[in-house]
Amino acid sequence: MRKIFRSLLVIFLLPLILVGQSMRDLEYQVIKLSYVEVDRA
């Protein structure tokens, strides 16, 4: 029973972690873009 619960937890957490990483990458890209814009101004 516990094994099933743990595998369910992993199945739920993995997408969350992946989404969190991609969000962080997006944030980094946006910050980089805004810095470039400020440099140009």
C-alpha atoms as a PDB file:
ATOM      1  CA  MET A   1       0.000   0.000   0.000  1.00  0.00           C
ATOM      2  CA  ARG A   2       2.740   2.434   0.921  1.00  0.00           C
ATOM      3  CA  LYS A   3       4.614   1.747  -2.321  1.00  0.00           C
ATOM      4  CA  ILE A   4       1.548   2.695  -4.371  1.00  0.00           C
ATOM      5  CA  PHE A   5       1.181   5.913  -2.398  1.00  0.00           C
ATOM      6  CA  ARG A   6       4.828   6.801  -2.917  1.00  0.00           C
ATOM      7  CA  SER A   7       4.681   6.149  -6.663  1.00  0.00           C
ATOM      8  CA  LEU A   8       1.539   8.305  -6.869  1.00  0.00           C
ATOM      9  CA  LEU A   9       3.383  11.063  -5.024  1.00  0.00           C
ATOM     10  CA  VAL A  10       6.269  10.855  -7.491  1.00  0.00           C
ATOM     11  CA  ILE A  11       3.854  10.946 -10.441  1.00  0.00           C
ATOM     12  CA  PHE A  12       2.285  14.102  -9.004  1.00  0.00           C
ATOM     13  CA  LEU A  13       5.539  15.800  -8.037  1.00  0.00           C
ATOM     14  CA  LEU A  14       7.565  15.192 -11.199  1.00  0.00           C
ATOM     15  CA  PRO A  15       5.376  17.365 -13.485  1.00  0.00           C
ATOM     16  CA  LEU A  16       5.336  20.084 -10.823  1.00  0.00           C
ATOM     17  CA  ILE A  17       9.136  20.090 -10.633  1.00  0.00           C
ATOM     18  CA  LEU A  18       9.426  20.133 -14.431  1.00  0.00           C
ATOM     19  CA  VAL A  19       6.925  22.997 -14.707  1.00  0.00           C
ATOM     20  CA  GLY A  20       8.774  24.889 -11.974  1.00  0.00           C
ATOM     21  CA  GLN A  21      12.068  24.543 -13.829  1.00  0.00           C
ATOM     22  CA  SER A  22      10.598  25.691 -17.140  1.00  0.00           C
ATOM     23  CA  MET A  23       8.959  28.646 -15.377  1.00  0.00           C
ATOM     24  CA  ARG A  24      12.324  29.605 -13.900  1.00  0.00           C
ATOM     25  CA  ASP A  25      13.903  29.373 -17.363  1.00  0.00           C
ATOM     26  CA  LEU A  26      11.156  31.627 -18.749  1.00  0.00           C
ATOM     27  CA  GLU A  27      11.695  34.108 -15.933  1.00  0.00           C
ATOM     28  CA  TYR A  28      15.425  34.134 -16.689  1.00  0.00           C
ATOM     29  CA  GLN A  29      14.755  34.783 -20.390  1.00  0.00           C
ATOM     30  CA  VAL A  30      12.380  37.659 -19.558  1.00  0.00           C
ATOM     31  CA  ILE A  31      14.912  39.208 -17.158  1.00  0.00           C
ATOM     32  CA  LYS A  32      17.634  38.911 -19.811  1.00  0.00           C
ATOM     33  CA  LEU A  33      15.358  40.532 -22.409  1.00  0.00           C
ATOM     34  CA  SER A  34      14.462  43.417 -20.106  1.00  0.00           C
ATOM     35  CA  TYR A  35      18.161  43.990 -19.363  1.00  0.00           C
ATOM     36  CA  VAL A  36      18.863  44.142 -23.107  1.00  0.00           C
ATOM     37  CA  GLU A  37      16.031  46.668 -23.518  1.00  0.00           C
ATOM     38  CA  VAL A  38      17.433  48.826 -20.706  1.00  0.00           C
ATOM     39  CA  ASP A  39      20.900  48.637 -22.287  1.00  0.00           C
ATOM     40  CA  ARG A  40      19.537  49.873 -25.605  1.00  0.00           C
ATOM     41  CA  ALA A  41      17.615  52.790 -24.084  1.00  0.00           C
END
